Amino acid sequence: MVNITLAIPDALHKKLKTHSEIRWSDVIRRILEKRLEDLEIMDKIVSKSKFTEEDVEEIGKKIKEGIAKRHGIK
């Protein structure tokens, strides 16, 4: 198994230490595995898409504008 080093803020480290009964490396490993599973699913979906990057940017822009309008931001 490979080891990695992770830099975290001091405040977070202090909070983690208050729960020393938890194996934080296991928690982080599961989070990483889940995120990679999600990315693999997304990659499969995207690989079948016919949208161009420009199409995706335009759709994203319209979604953001709609959300802003709904919440009175724009």
Protein backbone atom coordinates (compact mmCIF):
# COMPACT_ATOMS: atom_id res chain seq x y z
CA MET A 1 0.00 0.00 0.00
CA VAL A 2 1.22 3.50 -0.86
CA ASN A 3 1.29 6.30 1.71
CA ILE A 4 0.42 9.89 0.90
CA THR A 5 0.93 13.06 2.90
CA LEU A 6 -1.97 15.42 3.33
CA ALA A 7 -1.67 19.02 4.48
CA ILE A 8 -4.61 20.28 6.56
CA PRO A 9 -5.17 23.46 8.57
CA ASP A 10 -4.18 23.41 12.23
CA ALA A 11 -7.77 24.00 13.36
CA LEU A 12 -8.96 20.94 11.46
CA HIS A 13 -6.14 18.85 12.91
CA LYS A 14 -7.14 19.86 16.44
CA LYS A 15 -10.75 18.81 15.77
CA LEU A 16 -9.64 15.48 14.32
CA LYS A 17 -7.53 14.80 17.41
CA THR A 18 -10.61 15.15 19.63
CA HIS A 19 -11.89 11.94 18.00
CA SER A 20 -8.80 9.77 18.18
CA GLU A 21 -10.99 6.66 18.21
CA ILE A 22 -11.67 7.19 14.50
CA ARG A 23 -9.20 5.89 11.93
CA TRP A 24 -9.12 9.01 9.77
CA SER A 25 -7.01 7.34 7.09
CA ASP A 26 -9.86 4.85 6.55
CA VAL A 27 -12.40 7.68 6.35
CA ILE A 28 -10.31 9.54 3.77
CA ARG A 29 -9.69 6.34 1.79
CA ARG A 30 -13.46 5.68 1.54
CA ILE A 31 -14.11 9.28 0.50
CA LEU A 32 -11.47 9.04 -2.22
CA GLU A 33 -12.86 5.72 -3.46
CA LYS A 34 -16.40 7.14 -3.63
CA ARG A 35 -15.24 10.25 -5.48
CA LEU A 36 -13.34 8.10 -8.00
CA GLU A 37 -16.40 5.90 -8.54
CA ASP A 38 -18.46 9.03 -9.20
CA LEU A 39 -15.84 10.32 -11.65
CA GLU A 40 -15.74 6.99 -13.48
CA ILE A 41 -19.52 7.09 -13.92
CA MET A 42 -19.31 10.69 -15.11
CA ASP A 43 -16.54 9.77 -17.57
CA LYS A 44 -18.72 6.99 -19.03
CA ILE A 45 -21.64 9.38 -19.46
CA VAL A 46 -19.49 12.11 -20.98
CA SER A 47 -17.73 9.74 -23.36
CA LYS A 48 -21.08 9.08 -25.06
CA SER A 49 -22.05 12.76 -25.24
CA LYS A 50 -22.09 14.66 -28.50
CA PHE A 51 -21.91 18.05 -26.76
CA THR A 52 -18.88 20.20 -27.44
CA GLU A 53 -17.12 22.06 -24.68
CA GLU A 54 -18.69 25.25 -25.99
CA ASP A 55 -22.17 23.65 -25.74
CA VAL A 56 -21.51 22.72 -22.13
CA GLU A 57 -20.27 26.23 -21.29
CA GLU A 58 -23.37 27.79 -22.88
CA ILE A 59 -25.72 25.47 -20.98
CA GLY A 60 -23.85 26.21 -17.74
CA LYS A 61 -24.13 29.94 -18.37
CA LYS A 62 -27.89 29.68 -18.94
CA ILE A 63 -28.35 27.62 -15.78
CA LYS A 64 -26.38 30.13 -13.70
CA GLU A 65 -28.37 33.02 -15.17
CA GLY A 66 -31.64 31.25 -14.37
CA ILE A 67 -30.60 30.57 -10.79
CA ALA A 68 -29.45 34.17 -10.34
CA LYS A 69 -32.72 35.48 -11.75
CA ARG A 70 -34.79 33.18 -9.52
CA HIS A 71 -32.94 34.42 -6.44
CA GLY A 72 -32.99 38.08 -7.46
CA ILE A 73 -29.22 38.28 -7.86
CA LYS A 74 -29.35 39.60 -11.44
